[in-house]
Protein backbone atom coordinates (compact mmCIF):
# COMPACT_ATOMS: atom_id res chain seq x y z
CA MET A 1 -1.37 40.67 9.69
CA ALA A 2 0.63 37.28 9.93
CA LYS A 3 -0.15 36.65 6.26
CA GLN A 4 -2.39 33.26 5.54
CA GLN A 5 -0.18 29.95 3.34
CA ALA A 6 -2.08 28.48 1.17
CA PRO A 7 -3.65 25.59 2.08
CA GLN A 8 -1.23 22.92 -0.61
CA ALA A 9 1.70 24.94 1.21
CA LEU A 10 0.11 23.58 4.50
CA ILE A 11 0.24 20.56 3.70
CA GLU A 12 3.11 20.17 1.67
CA LYS A 13 4.79 21.43 4.94
CA GLN A 14 3.30 19.51 6.79
CA MET A 15 3.99 17.14 3.79
CA LYS A 16 8.07 17.24 4.96
CA THR A 17 8.05 17.87 7.99
CA ILE A 18 7.48 13.37 8.13
CA ILE A 19 9.39 12.88 5.87
CA GLN A 20 11.86 14.35 7.61
CA PHE A 21 11.45 11.99 10.47
CA GLY A 22 11.82 9.73 8.33
CA ASN A 23 8.37 8.44 8.75
CA TYR A 24 7.94 8.74 4.87
CA GLU A 25 10.08 9.32 2.33
CA ALA A 26 6.67 10.31 -0.05
CA ALA A 27 3.34 11.51 0.39
CA TYR A 28 0.64 12.35 -2.27
CA LEU A 29 -2.50 13.78 -1.82
CA PHE A 30 -5.02 13.07 -5.42
CA SER A 31 -8.04 14.08 -6.14
CA ARG A 32 -10.44 10.49 -6.62
CA GLU A 33 -9.78 11.18 -10.48
CA GLY A 34 -6.01 10.90 -9.91
CA LEU A 35 -5.12 14.79 -10.15
CA PRO A 36 -1.86 15.92 -7.44
CA ILE A 37 -3.22 18.11 -4.42
CA ALA A 38 0.01 17.96 -2.90
CA GLN A 39 3.11 15.48 -3.46
CA ALA A 40 6.42 15.95 -1.13
CA GLY A 41 9.65 13.24 -1.69
CA LYS A 42 10.56 13.30 -4.90
CA GLY A 43 13.14 11.93 -4.26
CA SER A 44 11.78 8.71 -3.89
CA ASN A 45 11.42 6.11 -6.66
CA VAL A 46 8.12 5.79 -5.61
CA ASP A 47 6.64 6.97 -9.53
CA PRO A 48 3.83 9.59 -8.27
CA ASP A 49 1.45 8.02 -11.64
CA ARG A 50 1.48 4.58 -10.60
CA LEU A 51 -0.03 5.62 -6.91
CA ALA A 52 -2.84 7.93 -8.91
CA GLU A 53 -3.20 4.76 -10.83
CA MET A 54 -3.45 2.72 -7.99
CA SER A 55 -5.93 5.31 -6.20
CA ILE A 56 -7.61 5.27 -8.32
CA MET A 57 -7.93 1.50 -8.97
CA PHE A 58 -8.73 1.27 -4.99
CA GLN A 59 -11.40 3.48 -5.73
CA ASP A 60 -13.06 0.90 -7.60
CA VAL A 61 -11.69 -1.76 -4.54
CA GLN A 62 -14.25 0.74 -2.60
CA ARG A 63 -16.76 0.30 -4.09
CA LEU A 64 -17.70 -2.81 -4.00
CA THR A 65 -16.74 -3.44 -1.05
CA ASN A 66 -19.53 -1.95 0.11
CA THR A 67 -21.73 -3.31 -2.33
CA LEU A 68 -20.53 -6.51 -0.70
CA GLY A 69 -22.04 -6.06 2.88
CA GLY A 70 -20.87 -6.27 5.99
CA ILE A 71 -17.79 -3.14 4.54
CA ASP A 72 -19.26 0.11 4.40
CA SER A 73 -17.05 3.19 3.04
CA LEU A 74 -13.44 1.39 3.15
CA LYS A 75 -10.87 4.03 4.39
CA GLU A 76 -7.50 2.66 4.04
CA VAL A 77 -6.15 0.28 1.17
CA PHE A 78 -2.32 -1.40 3.15
CA VAL A 79 0.74 -2.43 0.48
CA GLU A 80 3.27 -4.80 2.04
CA GLY A 81 5.78 -6.06 -0.12
CA THR A 82 8.86 -9.12 1.87
CA ASN A 83 11.46 -5.61 2.37
CA PHE A 84 8.24 -4.72 4.29
CA ARG A 85 8.49 -1.12 2.64
CA LYS A 86 4.63 -0.36 2.28
CA VAL A 87 1.85 2.59 0.96
CA ALA A 88 -0.98 2.50 2.66
CA PHE A 89 -3.78 4.17 1.29
CA ARG A 90 -6.00 6.80 3.11
CA PHE A 91 -9.61 7.61 1.53
CA PHE A 92 -11.63 10.33 3.20
CA GLU A 93 -13.62 13.72 2.44
CA ALA A 94 -11.97 17.40 2.58
CA PHE A 95 -12.40 20.85 0.67
CA GLY A 96 -15.85 18.92 -0.40
CA GLU A 97 -14.93 15.93 -2.80
CA ASN A 98 -13.56 12.89 -1.98
CA VAL A 99 -9.00 12.46 -2.15
CA VAL A 100 -6.74 9.97 -1.42
CA LEU A 101 -3.30 10.73 0.39
CA ALA A 102 -0.56 7.90 -0.59
CA VAL A 103 2.19 7.39 1.56
CA VAL A 104 5.11 5.85 1.25
CA VAL A 105 6.17 3.77 4.11
CA PRO A 106 9.70 2.36 4.93
CA PRO A 107 10.59 -0.25 6.55
CA GLY A 108 10.27 -0.64 10.62
CA LYS A 109 9.14 2.55 10.73
CA THR A 110 5.25 4.04 12.33
CA TYR A 111 3.50 6.07 9.76
CA ARG A 112 -0.78 5.46 11.37
CA LYS A 113 0.05 8.29 14.15
CA TYR A 114 1.59 11.13 11.37
CA THR A 115 -1.43 10.08 8.46
CA ASN A 116 -3.73 10.56 10.88
CA ASP A 117 -2.17 14.57 11.77
CA LEU A 118 -1.64 14.64 8.36
CA GLN A 119 -5.90 14.11 7.94
CA ARG A 120 -6.63 16.30 10.98
CA LEU A 121 -4.91 19.44 9.49
CA ILE A 122 -6.50 18.50 5.50
CA HIS A 123 -9.98 18.97 7.39
CA ALA A 124 -9.56 21.24 8.99
CA ILE A 125 -8.88 23.70 5.86
CA GLU A 126 -10.73 26.07 4.81
CA PHE A 127 -11.81 27.75 1.03
C-alpha cells in the first residue's frame, strides 16, 4: 500500500514544481486569518508576512465589492509593478474554509494555467 502524503506536502510539491518551471518566484496558501497553510520559494525577496497582510486586506476589498452590486464574489486580485513583476491573490474555498493563494510571478511569465491547476489540486484534497 502506498504511503499517502500530507496535504501540505502535496501542495508544496506542486508549488515547487511551478517555481522550477520559472513561472512563480514564490507561492503561499493562507487561511482567511492570514495563517500559512503551505508555502514554497523562500528564496524570493517577497516578505510572506506582507503577503499575508495584503491577503487579509484584499478580503476586506472582497467584502466591499460584494456590496457594490455587479461584482459577485471577488475571485482574484492582480497587482503589477512598473518592473512588470506581478502578485496574484486568488480567493476560494478549500478544506471547508476560505483560503487565499498568493503567487509572486516574475516579469514576462504566465501564471493563470499553473494557478488554476494548483487551485484544482487544493480543491481535490480531502481530510
